[in-house]
Protein backbone atom coordinates (compact mmCIF):
# COMPACT_ATOMS: atom_id res chain seq x y z
CA MET A 1 92.61 125.83 112.18
CA THR A 2 95.56 125.22 109.92
CA ILE A 3 98.05 122.51 110.55
CA THR A 4 101.58 123.20 109.09
CA ILE A 5 104.29 119.94 109.15
CA THR A 6 107.48 119.82 107.82
CA THR A 7 108.00 117.86 105.06
CA SER A 8 110.79 116.30 102.93
CA PHE A 9 110.12 115.14 99.12
CA SER A 10 110.42 111.52 98.19
CA ASP A 11 109.33 108.92 96.09
CA LEU A 12 105.88 107.09 97.33
CA GLU A 13 106.10 104.31 94.88
CA GLY A 14 109.81 103.51 95.03
CA ASP A 15 109.41 103.52 98.74
CA ILE A 16 106.30 100.97 98.89
CA ASN A 17 108.81 99.15 96.27
CA ASN A 18 111.65 99.10 98.55
CA LEU A 19 108.73 98.19 101.58
CA LEU A 20 108.10 95.28 99.73
CA LEU A 21 111.64 94.23 98.72
CA SER A 22 112.94 94.27 102.11
CA SER A 23 110.05 92.12 103.57
CA SER A 24 112.27 88.96 103.02
CA SER A 25 109.15 86.73 104.34
CA LYS A 26 105.25 87.05 104.69
CA ALA A 27 105.04 90.63 106.63
CA THR A 28 102.21 89.28 108.93
CA HIS A 29 100.58 91.44 111.20
CA SER A 30 102.27 94.49 109.90
CA HIS A 31 99.80 97.05 109.15
CA VAL A 32 99.76 99.91 106.32
CA LEU A 33 97.48 102.64 107.32
CA ILE A 34 95.98 104.65 104.51
CA ASP A 35 93.18 107.16 103.92
CA TYR A 36 90.48 107.07 101.14
CA ASP A 37 89.03 110.29 99.85
CA GLY A 38 91.78 112.47 98.56
CA THR A 39 94.24 109.47 99.09
CA LEU A 40 93.30 106.73 97.55
CA ILE A 41 90.89 108.33 95.21
CA THR A 42 91.43 112.05 93.92
CA ASN A 43 88.41 113.38 94.69
CA ASP A 44 85.76 113.80 98.15
CA SER A 45 83.41 110.53 97.12
CA LEU A 46 80.69 111.86 100.19
CA PHE A 47 80.45 115.31 98.81
CA ALA A 48 80.06 113.48 95.13
CA LEU A 49 77.61 111.51 96.37
CA LEU A 50 75.56 114.08 98.00
CA TYR A 51 75.60 116.56 95.28
CA GLN A 52 74.71 113.76 92.83
CA SER A 53 71.79 112.81 95.54
CA PHE A 54 70.50 116.39 95.35
CA LEU A 55 70.47 116.98 91.93
CA SER A 56 68.63 113.54 91.29
CA PHE A 57 65.59 114.58 93.90
CA PRO A 58 66.35 118.29 94.57
CA LEU A 59 62.53 118.95 96.13
CA LYS A 60 62.90 115.76 98.56
CA PHE A 61 66.40 116.20 98.96
CA THR A 62 66.09 119.59 100.68
CA CYS A 63 62.53 118.97 102.42
CA ILE A 64 64.04 115.91 104.20
CA TRP A 65 66.86 117.93 104.83
CA ILE A 66 65.62 121.02 106.44
CA SER A 67 63.41 118.51 108.68
CA SER A 68 66.08 116.08 109.93
CA LEU A 69 68.46 119.41 110.93
CA THR A 70 65.37 120.82 112.55
CA LYS A 71 64.82 117.95 114.64
CA THR A 72 68.59 117.43 115.43
CA PHE A 73 69.72 120.59 115.82
CA SER A 74 68.11 121.25 119.56
CA SER A 75 70.77 123.14 121.52
CA PRO A 76 73.51 125.67 120.87
CA ILE A 77 76.42 124.15 119.75
CA SER A 78 79.95 125.14 118.39
CA ILE A 79 81.07 125.83 114.71
CA ALA A 80 83.15 122.72 114.76
CA LYS A 81 80.70 120.39 116.07
CA PHE A 82 77.79 122.24 113.46
CA LYS A 83 80.25 120.94 110.26
CA GLN A 84 79.71 117.35 111.81
CA LEU A 85 76.14 117.89 112.34
CA LEU A 86 75.78 118.87 108.93
CA LYS A 87 77.79 116.24 107.33
CA TYR A 88 75.56 113.94 109.48
CA SER A 89 72.28 115.48 108.45
CA LEU A 90 73.06 115.38 104.76
CA THR A 91 74.40 111.72 104.97
CA LYS A 92 71.27 110.62 106.29
CA THR A 93 68.98 112.91 103.57
CA ALA A 94 71.49 111.23 100.93
CA TYR A 95 70.29 107.85 102.53
CA SER A 96 66.73 108.38 102.03
CA VAL A 97 66.43 109.44 99.01
CA SER A 98 68.63 106.69 97.39
CA SER A 99 68.61 102.71 97.68
CA GLU A 100 71.51 101.12 98.65
CA LYS A 101 72.42 99.71 94.75
CA VAL A 102 72.17 103.35 93.93
CA ARG A 103 74.77 104.18 96.56
CA ARG A 104 77.10 100.95 95.76
CA ASP A 105 76.76 101.58 91.94
CA PHE A 106 77.80 105.19 92.35
CA MET A 107 80.52 104.35 94.70
CA LEU A 108 81.71 101.96 92.70
CA SER A 109 81.88 104.24 89.47
CA ASN A 110 83.22 106.88 91.67
CA HIS A 111 86.21 104.97 92.54
CA SER A 112 86.92 103.56 89.11
CA LYS A 113 86.80 106.82 87.56
CA PHE A 114 88.93 108.93 90.14
CA LYS A 115 91.38 106.29 91.73
CA ARG A 116 95.06 106.50 92.08
CA HIS A 117 96.07 103.40 90.21
CA PHE A 118 99.66 103.02 91.39
CA LEU A 119 98.21 103.02 94.96
CA SER A 120 95.63 100.65 94.49
CA LYS A 121 98.05 98.62 92.43
CA ALA A 122 100.42 98.73 95.33
CA ILE A 123 98.02 98.17 98.31
CA GLN A 124 96.96 94.80 96.85
CA GLU A 125 100.42 94.01 96.36
CA LEU A 126 101.10 94.74 99.79
CA HIS A 127 98.07 92.63 101.35
CA ASP A 128 99.32 89.81 98.88
CA ASN A 129 102.73 89.41 101.05
CA GLY A 130 100.83 89.58 104.00
CA PHE A 131 100.68 93.31 105.01
CA VAL A 132 97.36 94.35 106.69
CA ILE A 133 95.56 97.00 105.26
CA LEU A 134 93.29 99.87 106.69
CA ILE A 135 91.56 102.23 105.19
CA VAL A 136 91.10 104.59 107.35
CA THR A 137 88.47 107.42 106.66
CA ASN A 138 86.36 110.35 107.77
CA ASN A 139 83.43 109.30 105.24
CA TYR A 140 81.10 107.11 106.75
CA THR A 141 82.37 103.40 106.77
CA ASP A 142 78.93 101.86 105.05
CA LEU A 143 79.67 103.63 102.11
CA VAL A 144 83.58 103.12 101.62
CA LYS A 145 82.51 99.49 102.29
CA LEU A 146 80.84 99.20 99.39
CA VAL A 147 83.72 99.84 97.53
CA PHE A 148 86.15 97.09 98.88
CA GLU A 149 83.11 94.35 99.30
CA LYS A 150 85.63 92.07 97.44
CA HIS A 151 88.93 92.88 98.51
CA PRO A 152 89.83 91.59 102.57
CA TYR A 153 91.03 95.41 103.75
CA HIS A 154 89.72 96.68 107.02
CA VAL A 155 87.47 99.90 106.28
CA ILE A 156 87.55 101.92 109.67
CA GLY A 157 85.22 105.19 108.94
CA LEU A 158 82.59 107.30 110.39
CA GLU A 159 79.34 105.46 112.09
CA LEU A 160 75.93 107.24 111.15
CA GLU A 161 74.28 105.42 114.37
CA PRO A 162 74.21 106.30 116.57
CA TYR A 163 74.74 109.91 116.59
CA SER A 164 74.70 112.88 119.10
CA PRO A 165 75.05 116.89 118.26
CA LEU A 166 77.57 116.87 121.20
CA PHE A 167 79.24 113.56 120.12
CA ASP A 168 83.11 114.32 118.69
CA PHE A 169 84.20 112.30 116.07
CA PRO A 170 87.01 110.36 117.40
CA LYS A 171 90.49 110.86 115.47
CA LYS A 172 91.78 107.87 113.42
CA SER A 173 94.49 106.91 115.71
CA GLN A 174 91.65 106.73 118.05
CA ARG A 175 89.57 105.02 115.74
CA ILE A 176 92.39 102.31 114.82
CA ARG A 177 93.27 101.29 118.37
CA SER A 178 89.67 100.75 119.40
CA THR A 179 89.27 98.61 116.13
CA PHE A 180 91.86 96.25 117.38
CA GLY A 181 90.93 96.30 121.05
CA GLY A 182 94.03 95.14 122.97
CA GLN A 183 95.79 93.67 119.67
CA VAL A 184 99.52 94.66 119.25
CA LEU A 185 99.41 96.75 116.53
CA ASN A 186 102.51 97.21 113.97
CA PRO A 187 102.03 100.10 111.72
CA VAL A 188 104.53 100.56 109.18
CA LEU A 189 103.38 103.14 106.64
CA ALA A 190 100.82 105.52 106.60
CA ILE A 191 99.32 107.43 103.68
CA THR A 192 97.27 110.79 103.45
CA ASP A 193 96.37 113.79 101.49
CA SER A 194 95.75 116.01 104.27
CA PRO A 195 98.10 117.51 107.19
CA ARG A 196 94.95 116.93 109.91
CA ASP A 197 95.95 113.35 109.61
CA LEU A 198 98.83 113.79 111.58
CA ASP A 199 97.64 111.75 114.70
CA MET A 200 97.56 108.97 112.26
CA LEU A 201 101.26 109.53 110.74
CA ASN A 202 102.46 109.77 114.21
CA MET A 203 101.60 106.18 114.63
CA ILE A 204 104.65 105.23 112.37
CA PRO A 205 107.80 105.61 114.36
CA ASN A 206 109.89 107.85 112.20
CA LYS A 207 110.32 111.48 112.99
CA LYS A 208 110.16 112.09 108.82
CA ILE A 209 107.53 112.77 106.92
CA SER A 210 107.81 112.51 103.67
CA LYS A 211 105.84 114.47 100.77
CA ASP A 212 105.51 112.33 97.77
CA ILE A 213 107.01 114.54 94.42
CA ARG A 214 104.38 113.10 91.78
CA THR A 215 100.81 113.44 93.95
CA SER A 216 102.36 115.71 97.16
CA LEU A 217 100.47 112.70 99.09
CA LEU A 218 101.99 112.53 102.59
CA TYR A 219 103.59 109.55 104.43
CA ARG A 220 105.67 108.21 106.83
CA LEU A 221 107.29 105.08 106.62
CA GLN A 222 108.96 103.19 109.25
CA PRO A 223 112.95 102.92 109.38
CA PRO A 224 114.30 99.93 107.96
CA MET A 225 114.97 97.51 110.83
CA ILE A 226 119.39 96.98 111.07
CA ASN A 227 120.49 93.76 112.01
């Protein structure tokens, strides 16, 4: 399904700087929501890891994957759920043929090679000024956490266990609210590369969705409060 949204071109880096300047005191409990693959980095780290795992152990990877898929695929499911199952089974296979050290080294190397430097610097500055950084991803939490072990960011992704072929991956907004339970959320900025993250963008109280003029990233920024 193609999702079309109306945007206006803006300057993401400039808007983040303005957000920092407008926070006269520490922005405690203000949340910044940011996608990982395609946003904080320019590639898809999960696809890259799966590809690398296959190249390293092609025969072993194929045999384990087919066995895993056969065991899990036990009843008719929709195309959408089959894609979810495919993603899950390939990731489980990659875990089977690699150690945590190998996965950590790969994710760190991939992040270093493909990160958007201005955005990595910006979220660090936002954190230093009291904003709560949420890395919200459709990648798996355990993998993305390997990248941010030395950073005090929250990683909200998908879980490998437990899994059922009938399980629907919750939308990002649902996962964010579930993670924080009954706590009051104050999202002031959301950034993504995909219109499919509209539910996350809609958590920001602003009708305007902007598109960064340099990177084409989509973002929504809470309007400044008028005294």
